[in-house]
């Protein structure tokens, strides 16, 4: 075995990056126009509502 790098590209994720929950890092889903965490159920405000997003 050698320590030379291979010419293969890094594998790309099969799905586009989803926004993560700022509280627990869980997956965010859109419910009625708001992002809600599937793990802790926190609702994250959008930039139009004065939140940090």
PDB file of N, CA and C in Angstrom:
ATOM      1  N   UNK A   1       0.838  -1.192   0.000  1.00  0.00           N
ATOM      2  CA  UNK A   1       0.000   0.000   0.000  1.00  0.00           C
ATOM      3  C   UNK A   1       0.876   1.246   0.000  1.00  0.00           C
ATOM      4  N   UNK A   2       0.396   2.270  -0.666  1.00  0.00           N
ATOM      5  CA  UNK A   2       1.141   3.517  -0.716  1.00  0.00           C
ATOM      6  C   UNK A   2       0.304   4.643  -0.125  1.00  0.00           C
ATOM      7  N   UNK A   3       0.978   5.714   0.224  1.00  0.00           N
ATOM      8  CA  UNK A   3       0.294   6.863   0.808  1.00  0.00           C
ATOM      9  C   UNK A   3      -0.070   7.907  -0.243  1.00  0.00           C
ATOM     10  N   UNK A   4      -0.004   7.539  -1.519  1.00  0.00           N
ATOM     11  CA  UNK A   4      -0.337   8.481  -2.575  1.00  0.00           C
ATOM     12  C   UNK A   4      -1.844   8.654  -2.661  1.00  0.00           C
ATOM     13  N   UNK A   5      -2.302   9.893  -2.882  1.00  0.00           N
ATOM     14  CA  UNK A   5      -3.752  10.113  -3.006  1.00  0.00           C
ATOM     15  C   UNK A   5      -4.277   9.502  -4.301  1.00  0.00           C
ATOM     16  N   UNK A   6      -5.500   9.062  -4.276  1.00  0.00           N
ATOM     17  CA  UNK A   6      -6.125   8.504  -5.471  1.00  0.00           C
ATOM     18  C   UNK A   6      -6.708   9.632  -6.307  1.00  0.00           C
ATOM     19  N   UNK A   7      -6.980   9.354  -7.547  1.00  0.00           N
ATOM     20  CA  UNK A   7      -7.536  10.359  -8.446  1.00  0.00           C
ATOM     21  C   UNK A   7      -9.048  10.354  -8.452  1.00  0.00           C
ATOM     22  N   UNK A   8      -9.666   9.593  -7.564  1.00  0.00           N
ATOM     23  CA  UNK A   8     -11.119   9.527  -7.510  1.00  0.00           C
ATOM     24  C   UNK A   8     -11.666  10.752  -6.781  1.00  0.00           C
ATOM     25  N   UNK A   9     -12.733  11.354  -7.316  1.00  0.00           N
ATOM     26  CA  UNK A   9     -13.329  12.506  -6.618  1.00  0.00           C
ATOM     27  C   UNK A   9     -14.014  12.067  -5.333  1.00  0.00           C
ATOM     28  N   UNK A  10     -14.163  13.017  -4.418  1.00  0.00           N
ATOM     29  CA  UNK A  10     -14.872  12.724  -3.172  1.00  0.00           C
ATOM     30  C   UNK A  10     -16.323  12.392  -3.486  1.00  0.00           C
ATOM     31  N   UNK A  11     -16.901  11.422  -2.778  1.00  0.00           N
ATOM     32  CA  UNK A  11     -18.310  11.098  -3.037  1.00  0.00           C
ATOM     33  C   UNK A  11     -19.204  12.270  -2.656  1.00  0.00           C
ATOM     34  N   UNK A  12     -20.176  12.540  -3.489  1.00  0.00           N
ATOM     35  CA  UNK A  12     -21.100  13.646  -3.234  1.00  0.00           C
ATOM     36  C   UNK A  12     -22.330  13.112  -2.513  1.00  0.00           C
ATOM     37  N   UNK A  13     -22.922  13.907  -1.634  1.00  0.00           N
ATOM     38  CA  UNK A  13     -24.146  13.445  -0.966  1.00  0.00           C
ATOM     39  C   UNK A  13     -25.259  13.248  -1.985  1.00  0.00           C
ATOM     40  N   UNK A  14     -26.114  12.265  -1.736  1.00  0.00           N
ATOM     41  CA  UNK A  14     -27.181  11.951  -2.679  1.00  0.00           C
ATOM     42  C   UNK A  14     -28.326  12.951  -2.600  1.00  0.00           C
ATOM     43  N   UNK A  15     -28.438  13.662  -1.496  1.00  0.00           N
ATOM     44  CA  UNK A  15     -29.496  14.654  -1.345  1.00  0.00           C
ATOM     45  C   UNK A  15     -28.871  16.016  -1.097  1.00  0.00           C
ATOM     46  N   UNK A  16     -29.548  17.085  -1.502  1.00  0.00           N
ATOM     47  CA  UNK A  16     -29.020  18.421  -1.235  1.00  0.00           C
ATOM     48  C   UNK A  16     -28.959  18.691   0.267  1.00  0.00           C
ATOM     49  N   UNK A  17     -28.056  19.593   0.671  1.00  0.00           N
ATOM     50  CA  UNK A  17     -27.920  19.925   2.091  1.00  0.00           C
ATOM     51  C   UNK A  17     -29.213  20.506   2.635  1.00  0.00           C
ATOM     52  N   UNK A  18     -29.684  19.950   3.729  1.00  0.00           N
ATOM     53  CA  UNK A  18     -30.860  20.460   4.418  1.00  0.00           C
ATOM     54  C   UNK A  18     -30.379  21.400   5.518  1.00  0.00           C
ATOM     55  N   UNK A  19     -31.138  22.446   5.814  1.00  0.00           N
ATOM     56  CA  UNK A  19     -30.749  23.302   6.931  1.00  0.00           C
ATOM     57  C   UNK A  19     -30.824  22.525   8.241  1.00  0.00           C
ATOM     58  N   UNK A  20     -29.892  22.777   9.146  1.00  0.00           N
ATOM     59  CA  UNK A  20     -29.878  22.093  10.425  1.00  0.00           C
ATOM     60  C   UNK A  20     -30.441  22.965  11.526  1.00  0.00           C
ATOM     61  N   UNK A  21     -30.989  22.321  12.543  1.00  0.00           N
ATOM     62  CA  UNK A  21     -31.548  23.031  13.686  1.00  0.00           C
ATOM     63  C   UNK A  21     -30.412  23.691  14.470  1.00  0.00           C
ATOM     64  N   UNK A  22     -30.511  24.985  14.784  1.00  0.00           N
ATOM     65  CA  UNK A  22     -29.467  25.646  15.556  1.00  0.00           C
ATOM     66  C   UNK A  22     -29.423  25.194  17.014  1.00  0.00           C
ATOM     67  N   UNK A  23     -30.478  24.536  17.490  1.00  0.00           N
ATOM     68  CA  UNK A  23     -30.538  24.105  18.885  1.00  0.00           C
ATOM     69  C   UNK A  23     -29.909  22.722  19.061  1.00  0.00           C
ATOM     70  N   UNK A  24     -30.381  21.735  18.263  1.00  0.00           N
ATOM     71  CA  UNK A  24     -29.917  20.363  18.464  1.00  0.00           C
ATOM     72  C   UNK A  24     -29.231  19.758  17.243  1.00  0.00           C
ATOM     73  N   UNK A  25     -29.245  20.459  16.100  1.00  0.00           N
ATOM     74  CA  UNK A  25     -28.607  19.940  14.895  1.00  0.00           C
ATOM     75  C   UNK A  25     -29.474  18.987  14.095  1.00  0.00           C
ATOM     76  N   UNK A  26     -30.742  18.857  14.469  1.00  0.00           N
ATOM     77  CA  UNK A  26     -31.660  17.959  13.776  1.00  0.00           C
ATOM     78  C   UNK A  26     -32.049  18.469  12.401  1.00  0.00           C
ATOM     79  N   UNK A  27     -32.774  17.644  11.668  1.00  0.00           N
ATOM     80  CA  UNK A  27     -33.223  17.983  10.322  1.00  0.00           C
ATOM     81  C   UNK A  27     -34.434  18.900  10.404  1.00  0.00           C
ATOM     82  N   UNK A  28     -34.411  19.967   9.596  1.00  0.00           N
ATOM     83  CA  UNK A  28     -35.513  20.921   9.564  1.00  0.00           C
ATOM     84  C   UNK A  28     -36.456  20.570   8.424  1.00  0.00           C
ATOM     85  N   UNK A  29     -37.765  20.662   8.680  1.00  0.00           N
ATOM     86  CA  UNK A  29     -38.768  20.451   7.645  1.00  0.00           C
ATOM     87  C   UNK A  29     -39.687  21.661   7.601  1.00  0.00           C
ATOM     88  N   UNK A  30     -40.296  21.883   6.442  1.00  0.00           N
ATOM     89  CA  UNK A  30     -41.191  23.025   6.259  1.00  0.00           C
ATOM     90  C   UNK A  30     -42.605  22.616   6.618  1.00  0.00           C
ATOM     91  N   UNK A  31     -43.181  23.286   7.617  1.00  0.00           N
ATOM     92  CA  UNK A  31     -44.567  23.048   8.018  1.00  0.00           C
ATOM     93  C   UNK A  31     -45.282  24.391   7.993  1.00  0.00           C
ATOM     94  N   UNK A  32     -46.233  24.509   7.080  1.00  0.00           N
ATOM     95  CA  UNK A  32     -47.020  25.744   6.931  1.00  0.00           C
ATOM     96  C   UNK A  32     -46.151  26.987   6.791  1.00  0.00           C
ATOM     97  N   UNK A  33     -45.088  26.879   6.014  1.00  0.00           N
ATOM     98  CA  UNK A  33     -44.239  28.033   5.748  1.00  0.00           C
ATOM     99  C   UNK A  33     -43.206  28.333   6.811  1.00  0.00           C
ATOM    100  N   UNK A  34     -43.083  27.496   7.829  1.00  0.00           N
ATOM    101  CA  UNK A  34     -42.082  27.700   8.874  1.00  0.00           C
ATOM    102  C   UNK A  34     -41.215  26.450   8.971  1.00  0.00           C
ATOM    103  N   UNK A  35     -39.938  26.646   9.305  1.00  0.00           N
ATOM    104  CA  UNK A  35     -39.042  25.514   9.478  1.00  0.00           C
ATOM    105  C   UNK A  35     -39.179  24.974  10.893  1.00  0.00           C
ATOM    106  N   UNK A  36     -39.402  23.659  11.001  1.00  0.00           N
ATOM    107  CA  UNK A  36     -39.542  23.027  12.307  1.00  0.00           C
ATOM    108  C   UNK A  36     -38.598  21.836  12.382  1.00  0.00           C
ATOM    109  N   UNK A  37     -37.940  21.672  13.521  1.00  0.00           N
ATOM    110  CA  UNK A  37     -36.999  20.579  13.725  1.00  0.00           C
ATOM    111  C   UNK A  37     -37.750  19.275  13.947  1.00  0.00           C
ATOM    112  N   UNK A  38     -37.287  18.213  13.284  1.00  0.00           N
ATOM    113  CA  UNK A  38     -37.925  16.908  13.450  1.00  0.00           C
ATOM    114  C   UNK A  38     -37.521  16.243  14.761  1.00  0.00           C
ATOM    115  N   UNK A  39     -36.439  16.700  15.384  1.00  0.00           N
ATOM    116  CA  UNK A  39     -35.962  16.088  16.624  1.00  0.00           C
ATOM    117  C   UNK A  39     -36.513  16.787  17.867  1.00  0.00           C
ATOM    118  N   UNK A  40     -36.303  18.117  17.974  1.00  0.00           N
ATOM    119  CA  UNK A  40     -36.723  18.834  19.188  1.00  0.00           C
ATOM    120  C   UNK A  40     -37.996  19.654  18.974  1.00  0.00           C
ATOM    121  N   UNK A  41     -38.498  19.700  17.732  1.00  0.00           N
ATOM    122  CA  UNK A  41     -39.747  20.381  17.366  1.00  0.00           C
ATOM    123  C   UNK A  41     -39.683  21.898  17.524  1.00  0.00           C
ATOM    124  N   UNK A  42     -38.490  22.457  17.592  1.00  0.00           N
ATOM    125  CA  UNK A  42     -38.339  23.910  17.670  1.00  0.00           C
ATOM    126  C   UNK A  42     -38.729  24.531  16.336  1.00  0.00           C
ATOM    127  N   UNK A  43     -39.467  25.631  16.374  1.00  0.00           N
ATOM    128  CA  UNK A  43     -39.831  26.373  15.170  1.00  0.00           C
ATOM    129  C   UNK A  43     -38.828  27.507  15.015  1.00  0.00           C
ATOM    130  N   UNK A  44     -38.160  27.562  13.871  1.00  0.00           N
ATOM    131  CA  UNK A  44     -37.164  28.593  13.612  1.00  0.00           C
ATOM    132  C   UNK A  44     -37.763  29.655  12.715  1.00  0.00           C
ATOM    133  N   UNK A  45     -37.645  30.912  13.128  1.00  0.00           N
ATOM    134  CA  UNK A  45     -38.197  32.022  12.363  1.00  0.00           C
ATOM    135  C   UNK A  45     -37.329  32.296  11.149  1.00  0.00           C
ATOM    136  N   UNK A  46     -37.936  32.881  10.136  1.00  0.00           N
ATOM    137  CA  UNK A  46     -37.199  33.261   8.936  1.00  0.00           C
ATOM    138  C   UNK A  46     -36.745  34.701   9.060  1.00  0.00           C
ATOM    139  N   UNK A  47     -35.917  35.132   8.134  1.00  0.00           N
ATOM    140  CA  UNK A  47     -35.394  36.498   8.185  1.00  0.00           C
ATOM    141  C   UNK A  47     -36.514  37.531   8.040  1.00  0.00           C
ATOM    142  N   UNK A  48     -37.592  37.179   7.365  1.00  0.00           N
ATOM    143  CA  UNK A  48     -38.706  38.118   7.178  1.00  0.00           C
ATOM    144  C   UNK A  48     -39.505  38.330   8.463  1.00  0.00           C
ATOM    145  N   UNK A  49     -39.339  37.443   9.442  1.00  0.00           N
ATOM    146  CA  UNK A  49     -40.083  37.542  10.694  1.00  0.00           C
ATOM    147  C   UNK A  49     -39.226  38.091  11.821  1.00  0.00           C
ATOM    148  N   UNK A  50     -38.007  38.522  11.502  1.00  0.00           N
ATOM    149  CA  UNK A  50     -37.144  39.097  12.515  1.00  0.00           C
ATOM    150  C   UNK A  50     -36.239  38.094  13.193  1.00  0.00           C
ATOM    151  N   UNK A  51     -36.237  36.860  12.744  1.00  0.00           N
ATOM    152  CA  UNK A  51     -35.388  35.839  13.347  1.00  0.00           C
ATOM    153  C   UNK A  51     -34.009  35.815  12.720  1.00  0.00           C
ATOM    154  N   UNK A  52     -33.225  34.828  13.095  1.00  0.00           N
ATOM    155  CA  UNK A  52     -31.857  34.703  12.614  1.00  0.00           C
ATOM    156  C   UNK A  52     -31.773  33.751  11.430  1.00  0.00           C
ATOM    157  N   UNK A  53     -32.589  33.794  10.472  1.00  0.00           N
ATOM    158  CA  UNK A  53     -32.473  32.771   9.472  1.00  0.00           C
ATOM    159  C   UNK A  53     -32.654  33.190   8.117  1.00  0.00           C
TER     160      UNK A  53
END
